[in-house]
PDB file of all heavy atoms in Angstrom:
ATOM      1  N   GLU A   1     -13.066-221.473 109.772  1.00  0.00           N
ATOM      2  CA  GLU A   1     -13.565-220.831 110.967  1.00  0.00           C
ATOM      3  C   GLU A   1     -14.413-221.816 111.762  1.00  0.00           C
ATOM      4  O   GLU A   1     -15.348-222.403 111.223  1.00  0.00           O
ATOM      5  CB  GLU A   1     -14.398-219.603 110.601  1.00  0.00           C
ATOM      6  CG  GLU A   1     -14.969-218.878 111.789  1.00  0.00           C
ATOM      7  CD  GLU A   1     -15.846-217.712 111.418  1.00  0.00           C
ATOM      8  OE1 GLU A   1     -16.535-217.801 110.367  1.00  0.00           O
ATOM      9  OE2 GLU A   1     -15.860-216.718 112.150  1.00  0.00           O
ATOM     10  N   VAL A   2     -14.084-221.971 113.034  1.00  0.00           N
ATOM     11  CA  VAL A   2     -14.848-222.849 113.899  1.00  0.00           C
ATOM     12  C   VAL A   2     -16.196-222.217 114.197  1.00  0.00           C
ATOM     13  O   VAL A   2     -16.272-221.046 114.584  1.00  0.00           O
ATOM     14  CB  VAL A   2     -14.101-223.130 115.208  1.00  0.00           C
ATOM     15  CG1 VAL A   2     -14.981-223.908 116.180  1.00  0.00           C
ATOM     16  CG2 VAL A   2     -12.813-223.889 114.919  1.00  0.00           C
ATOM     17  N   GLN A   3     -17.259-222.995 114.030  1.00  0.00           N
ATOM     18  CA  GLN A   3     -18.601-222.534 114.344  1.00  0.00           C
ATOM     19  C   GLN A   3     -19.358-223.619 115.088  1.00  0.00           C
ATOM     20  O   GLN A   3     -19.281-224.801 114.732  1.00  0.00           O
ATOM     21  CB  GLN A   3     -19.381-222.158 113.087  1.00  0.00           C
ATOM     22  CG  GLN A   3     -18.859-220.945 112.361  1.00  0.00           C
ATOM     23  CD  GLN A   3     -19.792-220.508 111.260  1.00  0.00           C
ATOM     24  OE1 GLN A   3     -20.782-219.812 111.505  1.00  0.00           O
ATOM     25  NE2 GLN A   3     -19.491-220.943 110.052  1.00  0.00           N
ATOM     26  N   LEU A   4     -20.081-223.206 116.121  1.00  0.00           N
ATOM     27  CA  LEU A   4     -20.952-224.082 116.883  1.00  0.00           C
ATOM     28  C   LEU A   4     -22.310-223.399 116.950  1.00  0.00           C
ATOM     29  O   LEU A   4     -22.454-222.371 117.609  1.00  0.00           O
ATOM     30  CB  LEU A   4     -20.402-224.327 118.285  1.00  0.00           C
ATOM     31  CG  LEU A   4     -19.019-224.984 118.363  1.00  0.00           C
ATOM     32  CD1 LEU A   4     -18.504-224.983 119.798  1.00  0.00           C
ATOM     33  CD2 LEU A   4     -19.071-226.416 117.829  1.00  0.00           C
ATOM     34  N   VAL A   5     -23.290-223.960 116.260  1.00  0.00           N
ATOM     35  CA  VAL A   5     -24.602-223.348 116.141  1.00  0.00           C
ATOM     36  C   VAL A   5     -25.620-224.199 116.877  1.00  0.00           C
ATOM     37  O   VAL A   5     -25.861-225.348 116.511  1.00  0.00           O
ATOM     38  CB  VAL A   5     -25.007-223.176 114.673  1.00  0.00           C
ATOM     39  CG1 VAL A   5     -26.386-222.520 114.573  1.00  0.00           C
ATOM     40  CG2 VAL A   5     -23.971-222.339 113.933  1.00  0.00           C
ATOM     41  N   GLN A   6     -26.234-223.612 117.898  1.00  0.00           N
ATOM     42  CA  GLN A   6     -27.132-224.344 118.763  1.00  0.00           C
ATOM     43  C   GLN A   6     -28.597-224.150 118.387  1.00  0.00           C
ATOM     44  O   GLN A   6     -28.987-223.126 117.822  1.00  0.00           O
ATOM     45  CB  GLN A   6     -26.942-223.904 120.219  1.00  0.00           C
ATOM     46  CG  GLN A   6     -25.551-224.158 120.751  1.00  0.00           C
ATOM     47  CD  GLN A   6     -25.380-223.680 122.165  1.00  0.00           C
ATOM     48  OE1 GLN A   6     -24.400-223.030 122.494  1.00  0.00           O
ATOM     49  NE2 GLN A   6     -26.345-223.999 123.026  1.00  0.00           N
ATOM     50  N   SER A   7     -29.408-225.129 118.764  1.00  0.00           N
ATOM     51  CA  SER A   7     -30.847-225.054 118.588  1.00  0.00           C
ATOM     52  C   SER A   7     -31.521-225.963 119.604  1.00  0.00           C
ATOM     53  O   SER A   7     -30.869-226.808 120.220  1.00  0.00           O
ATOM     54  CB  SER A   7     -31.256-225.453 117.168  1.00  0.00           C
ATOM     55  OG  SER A   7     -30.889-226.790 116.884  1.00  0.00           O
ATOM     56  N   GLY A   8     -32.830-225.784 119.786  1.00  0.00           N
ATOM     57  CA  GLY A   8     -33.609-226.696 120.600  1.00  0.00           C
ATOM     58  C   GLY A   8     -34.030-226.216 121.972  1.00  0.00           C
ATOM     59  O   GLY A   8     -34.701-226.951 122.697  1.00  0.00           O
ATOM     60  N   GLY A   9     -33.656-225.013 122.354  1.00  0.00           N
ATOM     61  CA  GLY A   9     -34.069-224.503 123.647  1.00  0.00           C
ATOM     62  C   GLY A   9     -35.533-224.110 123.654  1.00  0.00           C
ATOM     63  O   GLY A   9     -36.228-224.174 122.641  1.00  0.00           O
ATOM     64  N   GLY A  10     -36.004-223.701 124.837  1.00  0.00           N
ATOM     65  CA  GLY A  10     -37.381-223.267 124.939  1.00  0.00           C
ATOM     66  C   GLY A  10     -37.928-223.391 126.337  1.00  0.00           C
ATOM     67  O   GLY A  10     -37.195-223.620 127.298  1.00  0.00           O
ATOM     68  N   LEU A  11     -39.232-223.243 126.444  1.00  0.00           N
ATOM     69  CA  LEU A  11     -39.954-223.322 127.706  1.00  0.00           C
ATOM     70  C   LEU A  11     -40.574-224.699 127.858  1.00  0.00           C
ATOM     71  O   LEU A  11     -41.212-225.213 126.934  1.00  0.00           O
ATOM     72  CB  LEU A  11     -41.046-222.253 127.742  1.00  0.00           C
ATOM     73  CG  LEU A  11     -41.993-222.254 128.935  1.00  0.00           C
ATOM     74  CD1 LEU A  11     -41.235-221.925 130.218  1.00  0.00           C
ATOM     75  CD2 LEU A  11     -43.116-221.253 128.704  1.00  0.00           C
ATOM     76  N   VAL A  12     -40.395-225.294 129.034  1.00  0.00           N
ATOM     77  CA  VAL A  12     -40.949-226.614 129.300  1.00  0.00           C
ATOM     78  C   VAL A  12     -41.424-226.683 130.744  1.00  0.00           C
ATOM     79  O   VAL A  12     -40.881-226.002 131.618  1.00  0.00           O
ATOM     80  CB  VAL A  12     -39.902-227.710 128.999  1.00  0.00           C
ATOM     81  CG1 VAL A  12     -38.709-227.591 129.935  1.00  0.00           C
ATOM     82  CG2 VAL A  12     -40.517-229.094 129.069  1.00  0.00           C
ATOM     83  N   GLN A  13     -42.445-227.485 131.001  1.00  0.00           N
ATOM     84  CA  GLN A  13     -42.958-227.653 132.355  1.00  0.00           C
ATOM     85  C   GLN A  13     -42.074-228.591 133.165  1.00  0.00           C
ATOM     86  O   GLN A  13     -41.391-229.446 132.605  1.00  0.00           O
ATOM     87  CB  GLN A  13     -44.383-228.205 132.309  1.00  0.00           C
ATOM     88  CG  GLN A  13     -45.393-227.244 131.706  1.00  0.00           C
ATOM     89  CD  GLN A  13     -46.802-227.785 131.756  1.00  0.00           C
ATOM     90  OE1 GLN A  13     -47.036-228.942 132.064  1.00  0.00           O
ATOM     91  NE2 GLN A  13     -47.759-226.929 131.462  1.00  0.00           N
ATOM     92  N   PRO A  14     -42.079-228.442 134.498  1.00  0.00           N
ATOM     93  CA  PRO A  14     -41.332-229.387 135.328  1.00  0.00           C
ATOM     94  C   PRO A  14     -41.719-230.830 135.019  1.00  0.00           C
ATOM     95  O   PRO A  14     -42.900-231.140 134.837  1.00  0.00           O
ATOM     96  CB  PRO A  14     -41.735-228.994 136.751  1.00  0.00           C
ATOM     97  CG  PRO A  14     -42.062-227.543 136.641  1.00  0.00           C
ATOM     98  CD  PRO A  14     -42.726-227.397 135.293  1.00  0.00           C
ATOM     99  N   GLY A  15     -40.719-231.685 134.949  1.00  0.00           N
ATOM    100  CA  GLY A  15     -40.939-233.074 134.593  1.00  0.00           C
ATOM    101  C   GLY A  15     -40.894-233.346 133.109  1.00  0.00           C
ATOM    102  O   GLY A  15     -40.887-234.514 132.696  1.00  0.00           O
ATOM    103  N   GLY A  16     -40.842-232.299 132.314  1.00  0.00           N
ATOM    104  CA  GLY A  16     -40.825-232.447 130.877  1.00  0.00           C
ATOM    105  C   GLY A  16     -39.456-232.762 130.319  1.00  0.00           C
ATOM    106  O   GLY A  16     -38.479-232.904 131.057  1.00  0.00           O
ATOM    107  N   SER A  17     -39.398-232.855 129.004  1.00  0.00           N
ATOM    108  CA  SER A  17     -38.166-233.209 128.305  1.00  0.00           C
ATOM    109  C   SER A  17     -37.870-232.218 127.194  1.00  0.00           C
ATOM    110  O   SER A  17     -38.773-231.572 126.650  1.00  0.00           O
ATOM    111  CB  SER A  17     -38.274-234.613 127.702  1.00  0.00           C
ATOM    112  OG  SER A  17     -38.477-235.593 128.700  1.00  0.00           O
ATOM    113  N   LEU A  18     -36.607-232.131 126.856  1.00  0.00           N
ATOM    114  CA  LEU A  18     -36.162-231.240 125.803  1.00  0.00           C
ATOM    115  C   LEU A  18     -34.855-231.773 125.239  1.00  0.00           C
ATOM    116  O   LEU A  18     -34.052-232.348 125.975  1.00  0.00           O
ATOM    117  CB  LEU A  18     -35.962-229.837 126.373  1.00  0.00           C
ATOM    118  CG  LEU A  18     -36.031-228.625 125.439  1.00  0.00           C
ATOM    119  CD1 LEU A  18     -37.402-228.514 124.789  1.00  0.00           C
ATOM    120  CD2 LEU A  18     -35.726-227.361 126.232  1.00  0.00           C
ATOM    121  N   ARG A  19     -34.638-231.574 123.952  1.00  0.00           N
ATOM    122  CA  ARG A  19     -33.387-231.981 123.325  1.00  0.00           C
ATOM    123  C   ARG A  19     -32.701-230.787 122.695  1.00  0.00           C
ATOM    124  O   ARG A  19     -33.296-230.079 121.882  1.00  0.00           O
ATOM    125  CB  ARG A  19     -33.618-233.058 122.259  1.00  0.00           C
ATOM    126  CG  ARG A  19     -32.315-233.575 121.640  1.00  0.00           C
ATOM    127  CD  ARG A  19     -32.549-234.719 120.671  1.00  0.00           C
ATOM    128  NE  ARG A  19     -33.249-234.281 119.474  1.00  0.00           N
ATOM    129  CZ  ARG A  19     -33.568-235.069 118.455  1.00  0.00           C
ATOM    130  NH1 ARG A  19     -33.240-236.365 118.500  1.00  0.00           N
ATOM    131  NH2 ARG A  19     -34.211-234.593 117.408  1.00  0.00           N
ATOM    132  N   LEU A  20     -31.450-230.583 123.054  1.00  0.00           N
ATOM    133  CA  LEU A  20     -30.634-229.531 122.483  1.00  0.00           C
ATOM    134  C   LEU A  20     -29.711-230.104 121.424  1.00  0.00           C
ATOM    135  O   LEU A  20     -29.235-231.230 121.543  1.00  0.00           O
ATOM    136  CB  LEU A  20     -29.793-228.849 123.558  1.00  0.00           C
ATOM    137  CG  LEU A  20     -30.533-228.302 124.783  1.00  0.00           C
ATOM    138  CD1 LEU A  20     -29.538-227.611 125.708  1.00  0.00           C
ATOM    139  CD2 LEU A  20     -31.652-227.362 124.378  1.00  0.00           C
ATOM    140  N   SER A  21     -29.442-229.312 120.402  1.00  0.00           N
ATOM    141  CA  SER A  21     -28.535-229.717 119.343  1.00  0.00           C
ATOM    142  C   SER A  21     -27.452-228.664 119.152  1.00  0.00           C
ATOM    143  O   SER A  21     -27.667-227.479 119.417  1.00  0.00           O
ATOM    144  CB  SER A  21     -29.287-229.902 118.018  1.00  0.00           C
ATOM    145  OG  SER A  21     -30.244-230.933 118.112  1.00  0.00           O
ATOM    146  N   CYS A  22     -26.306-229.104 118.676  1.00  0.00           N
ATOM    147  CA  CYS A  22     -25.177-228.218 118.409  1.00  0.00           C
ATOM    148  C   CYS A  22     -24.513-228.684 117.126  1.00  0.00           C
ATOM    149  O   CYS A  22     -23.891-229.756 117.097  1.00  0.00           O
ATOM    150  CB  CYS A  22     -24.202-228.251 119.585  1.00  0.00           C
ATOM    151  SG  CYS A  22     -22.674-227.328 119.343  1.00  0.00           S
ATOM    152  N   ALA A  23     -24.648-227.908 116.073  1.00  0.00           N
ATOM    153  CA  ALA A  23     -24.067-228.241 114.774  1.00  0.00           C
ATOM    154  C   ALA A  23     -22.691-227.609 114.650  1.00  0.00           C
ATOM    155  O   ALA A  23     -22.547-226.389 114.760  1.00  0.00           O
ATOM    156  CB  ALA A  23     -24.980-227.755 113.656  1.00  0.00           C
ATOM    157  N   ALA A  24     -21.683-228.435 114.407  1.00  0.00           N
ATOM    158  CA  ALA A  24     -20.299-227.978 114.374  1.00  0.00           C
ATOM    159  C   ALA A  24     -19.756-227.922 112.959  1.00  0.00           C
ATOM    160  O   ALA A  24     -20.113-228.723 112.095  1.00  0.00           O
ATOM    161  CB  ALA A  24     -19.423-228.904 115.215  1.00  0.00           C
ATOM    162  N   SER A  25     -18.851-226.980 112.728  1.00  0.00           N
ATOM    163  CA  SER A  25     -18.164-226.879 111.447  1.00  0.00           C
ATOM    164  C   SER A  25     -16.834-226.161 111.650  1.00  0.00           C
ATOM    165  O   SER A  25     -16.607-225.531 112.673  1.00  0.00           O
ATOM    166  CB  SER A  25     -19.019-226.142 110.412  1.00  0.00           C
ATOM    167  OG  SER A  25     -19.296-224.815 110.829  1.00  0.00           O
ATOM    168  N   GLY A  26     -15.947-226.267 110.669  1.00  0.00           N
ATOM    169  CA  GLY A  26     -14.672-225.574 110.717  1.00  0.00           C
ATOM    170  C   GLY A  26     -13.548-226.335 111.387  1.00  0.00           C
ATOM    171  O   GLY A  26     -12.437-225.800 111.526  1.00  0.00           O
ATOM    172  N   PHE A  27     -13.806-227.557 111.808  1.00  0.00           N
ATOM    173  CA  PHE A  27     -12.775-228.414 112.391  1.00  0.00           C
ATOM    174  C   PHE A  27     -13.202-229.865 112.233  1.00  0.00           C
ATOM    175  O   PHE A  27     -14.353-230.144 111.882  1.00  0.00           O
ATOM    176  CB  PHE A  27     -12.509-228.068 113.861  1.00  0.00           C
ATOM    177  CG  PHE A  27     -13.661-228.341 114.784  1.00  0.00           C
ATOM    178  CD1 PHE A  27     -13.681-229.466 115.599  1.00  0.00           C
ATOM    179  CD2 PHE A  27     -14.735-227.463 114.860  1.00  0.00           C
ATOM    180  CE1 PHE A  27     -14.737-229.719 116.461  1.00  0.00           C
ATOM    181  CE2 PHE A  27     -15.800-227.698 115.714  1.00  0.00           C
ATOM    182  CZ  PHE A  27     -15.796-228.824 116.517  1.00  0.00           C
ATOM    183  N   THR A  28     -12.272-230.765 112.480  1.00  0.00           N
ATOM    184  CA  THR A  28     -12.585-232.189 112.370  1.00  0.00           C
ATOM    185  C   THR A  28     -13.310-232.627 113.636  1.00  0.00           C
ATOM    186  O   THR A  28     -12.694-233.008 114.631  1.00  0.00           O
ATOM    187  CB  THR A  28     -11.316-233.012 112.139  1.00  0.00           C
ATOM    188  OG1 THR A  28     -10.618-232.509 110.995  1.00  0.00           O
ATOM    189  CG2 THR A  28     -11.670-234.476 111.885  1.00  0.00           C
ATOM    190  N   PHE A  29     -14.615-232.560 113.574  1.00  0.00           N
ATOM    191  CA  PHE A  29     -15.472-232.796 114.734  1.00  0.00           C
ATOM    192  C   PHE A  29     -15.172-234.128 115.412  1.00  0.00           C
ATOM    193  O   PHE A  29     -15.121-234.212 116.644  1.00  0.00           O
ATOM    194  CB  PHE A  29     -16.931-232.727 114.277  1.00  0.00           C
ATOM    195  CG  PHE A  29     -17.949-232.952 115.352  1.00  0.00           C
ATOM    196  CD1 PHE A  29     -18.215-231.974 116.293  1.00  0.00           C
ATOM    197  CD2 PHE A  29     -18.659-234.145 115.411  1.00  0.00           C
ATOM    198  CE1 PHE A  29     -19.169-232.169 117.280  1.00  0.00           C
ATOM    199  CE2 PHE A  29     -19.620-234.359 116.389  1.00  0.00           C
ATOM    200  CZ  PHE A  29     -19.868-233.367 117.324  1.00  0.00           C
ATOM    201  N   SER A  30     -14.967-235.156 114.627  1.00  0.00           N
ATOM    202  CA  SER A  30     -14.789-236.499 115.171  1.00  0.00           C
ATOM    203  C   SER A  30     -13.490-236.685 115.961  1.00  0.00           C
ATOM    204  O   SER A  30     -13.326-237.708 116.624  1.00  0.00           O
ATOM    205  CB  SER A  30     -14.853-237.537 114.048  1.00  0.00           C
ATOM    206  OG  SER A  30     -13.825-237.319 113.096  1.00  0.00           O
ATOM    207  N   ASN A  31     -12.585-235.714 115.913  1.00  0.00           N
ATOM    208  CA  ASN A  31     -11.317-235.809 116.634  1.00  0.00           C
ATOM    209  C   ASN A  31     -11.338-235.172 118.017  1.00  0.00           C
ATOM    210  O   ASN A  31     -10.345-235.260 118.744  1.00  0.00           O
ATOM    211  CB  ASN A  31     -10.189-235.149 115.829  1.00  0.00           C
ATOM    212  CG  ASN A  31      -9.747-235.987 114.649  1.00  0.00           C
ATOM    213  OD1 ASN A  31     -10.135-237.146 114.505  1.00  0.00           O
ATOM    214  ND2 ASN A  31      -8.933-235.401 113.788  1.00  0.00           N
ATOM    215  N   TYR A  32     -12.447-234.543 118.393  1.00  0.00           N
ATOM    216  CA  TYR A  32     -12.451-233.753 119.621  1.00  0.00           C
ATOM    217  C   TYR A  32     -13.581-234.121 120.570  1.00  0.00           C
ATOM    218  O   TYR A  32     -14.707-234.403 120.151  1.00  0.00           O
ATOM    219  CB  TYR A  32     -12.555-232.262 119.291  1.00  0.00           C
ATOM    220  CG  TYR A  32     -11.319-231.731 118.623  1.00  0.00           C
ATOM    221  CD1 TYR A  32     -11.200-231.732 117.242  1.00  0.00           C
ATOM    222  CD2 TYR A  32     -10.255-231.251 119.382  1.00  0.00           C
ATOM    223  CE1 TYR A  32     -10.055-231.267 116.625  1.00  0.00           C
ATOM    224  CE2 TYR A  32      -9.107-230.784 118.773  1.00  0.00           C
ATOM    225  CZ  TYR A  32      -9.015-230.798 117.394  1.00  0.00           C
ATOM    226  OH  TYR A  32      -7.876-230.332 116.788  1.00  0.00           O
ATOM    227  N   ALA A  33     -13.259-234.086 121.856  1.00  0.00           N
ATOM    228  CA  ALA A  33     -14.285-234.168 122.879  1.00  0.00           C
ATOM    229  C   ALA A  33     -15.138-232.902 122.849  1.00  0.00           C
ATOM    230  O   ALA A  33     -14.666-231.828 122.465  1.00  0.00           O
ATOM    231  CB  ALA A  33     -13.647-234.333 124.259  1.00  0.00           C
ATOM    232  N   MET A  34     -16.388-233.038 123.244  1.00  0.00           N
ATOM    233  CA  MET A  34     -17.318-231.914 123.272  1.00  0.00           C
ATOM    234  C   MET A  34     -18.034-231.883 124.616  1.00  0.00           C
ATOM    235  O   MET A  34     -18.085-232.883 125.335  1.00  0.00           O
ATOM    236  CB  MET A  34     -18.344-232.031 122.146  1.00  0.00           C
ATOM    237  CG  MET A  34     -17.768-231.949 120.746  1.00  0.00           C
ATOM    238  SD  MET A  34     -17.134-230.294 120.331  1.00  0.00           S
ATOM    239  CE  MET A  34     -18.651-229.322 120.357  1.00  0.00           C
ATOM    240  N   SER A  35     -18.613-230.733 124.930  1.00  0.00           N
ATOM    241  CA  SER A  35     -19.231-230.566 126.237  1.00  0.00           C
ATOM    242  C   SER A  35     -20.463-229.683 126.168  1.00  0.00           C
ATOM    243  O   SER A  35     -20.683-228.935 125.202  1.00  0.00           O
ATOM    244  CB  SER A  35     -18.232-229.962 127.229  1.00  0.00           C
ATOM    245  OG  SER A  35     -17.889-228.637 126.861  1.00  0.00           O
ATOM    246  N   TRP A  36     -21.266-229.781 127.226  1.00  0.00           N
ATOM    247  CA  TRP A  36     -22.358-228.852 127.483  1.00  0.00           C
ATOM    248  C   TRP A  36     -22.083-228.153 128.813  1.00  0.00           C
ATOM    249  O   TRP A  36     -21.716-228.801 129.803  1.00  0.00           O
ATOM    250  CB  TRP A  36     -23.711-229.565 127.558  1.00  0.00           C
ATOM    251  CG  TRP A  36     -24.182-230.086 126.240  1.00  0.00           C
ATOM    252  CD1 TRP A  36     -24.065-231.351 125.759  1.00  0.00           C
ATOM    253  CD2 TRP A  36     -24.864-229.336 125.220  1.00  0.00           C
ATOM    254  NE1 TRP A  36     -24.627-231.452 124.511  1.00  0.00           N
ATOM    255  CE2 TRP A  36     -25.118-230.228 124.150  1.00  0.00           C
ATOM    256  CE3 TRP A  36     -25.278-228.009 125.103  1.00  0.00           C
ATOM    257  CZ2 TRP A  36     -25.774-229.829 122.982  1.00  0.00           C
ATOM    258  CZ3 TRP A  36     -25.925-227.608 123.938  1.00  0.00           C
ATOM    259  CH2 TRP A  36     -26.166-228.507 122.905  1.00  0.00           C
ATOM    260  N   VAL A  37     -22.273-226.847 128.816  1.00  0.00           N
ATOM    261  CA  VAL A  37     -22.056-226.011 129.983  1.00  0.00           C
ATOM    262  C   VAL A  37     -23.274-225.111 130.136  1.00  0.00           C
ATOM    263  O   VAL A  37     -23.871-224.715 129.134  1.00  0.00           O
ATOM    264  CB  VAL A  37     -20.778-225.157 129.827  1.00  0.00           C
ATOM    265  CG1 VAL A  37     -20.500-224.336 131.078  1.00  0.00           C
ATOM    266  CG2 VAL A  37     -19.580-226.047 129.502  1.00  0.00           C
ATOM    267  N   ARG A  38     -23.650-224.781 131.358  1.00  0.00           N
ATOM    268  CA  ARG A  38     -24.808-223.919 131.552  1.00  0.00           C
ATOM    269  C   ARG A  38     -24.516-222.803 132.540  1.00  0.00           C
ATOM    270  O   ARG A  38     -23.594-222.884 133.344  1.00  0.00           O
ATOM    271  CB  ARG A  38     -26.025-224.720 132.019  1.00  0.00           C
ATOM    272  CG  ARG A  38     -25.915-225.301 133.425  1.00  0.00           C
ATOM    273  CD  ARG A  38     -27.117-226.178 133.734  1.00  0.00           C
ATOM    274  NE  ARG A  38     -27.074-226.719 135.087  1.00  0.00           N
ATOM    275  CZ  ARG A  38     -27.943-227.593 135.577  1.00  0.00           C
ATOM    276  NH1 ARG A  38     -28.945-228.038 134.810  1.00  0.00           N
ATOM    277  NH2 ARG A  38     -27.818-228.030 136.827  1.00  0.00           N
ATOM    278  N   GLN A  39     -25.333-221.756 132.468  1.00  0.00           N
ATOM    279  CA  GLN A  39     -25.214-220.626 133.375  1.00  0.00           C
ATOM    280  C   GLN A  39     -26.603-220.186 133.796  1.00  0.00           C
ATOM    281  O   GLN A  39     -27.371-219.657 132.984  1.00  0.00           O
ATOM    282  CB  GLN A  39     -24.453-219.472 132.718  1.00  0.00           C
ATOM    283  CG  GLN A  39     -24.175-218.324 133.661  1.00  0.00           C
ATOM    284  CD  GLN A  39     -23.178-217.334 133.095  1.00  0.00           C
ATOM    285  OE1 GLN A  39     -22.347-216.792 133.821  1.00  0.00           O
ATOM    286  NE2 GLN A  39     -23.247-217.094 131.797  1.00  0.00           N
ATOM    287  N   ALA A  40     -26.931-220.415 135.052  1.00  0.00           N
ATOM    288  CA  ALA A  40     -28.206-219.990 135.604  1.00  0.00           C
ATOM    289  C   ALA A  40     -28.162-218.491 135.887  1.00  0.00           C
ATOM    290  O   ALA A  40     -27.083-217.916 136.046  1.00  0.00           O
ATOM    291  CB  ALA A  40     -28.513-220.764 136.879  1.00  0.00           C
TER     292      ALA A  40
END
């Protein structure tokens, strides 16, 4: 089963920094392109 489990979001002030992570399983991760998409 393909799973993508995210972490690292939160509240930050303008000008600040944040790092998001996405842990993948259930497929050969190294064989596929990956992306980040957002929805305001």
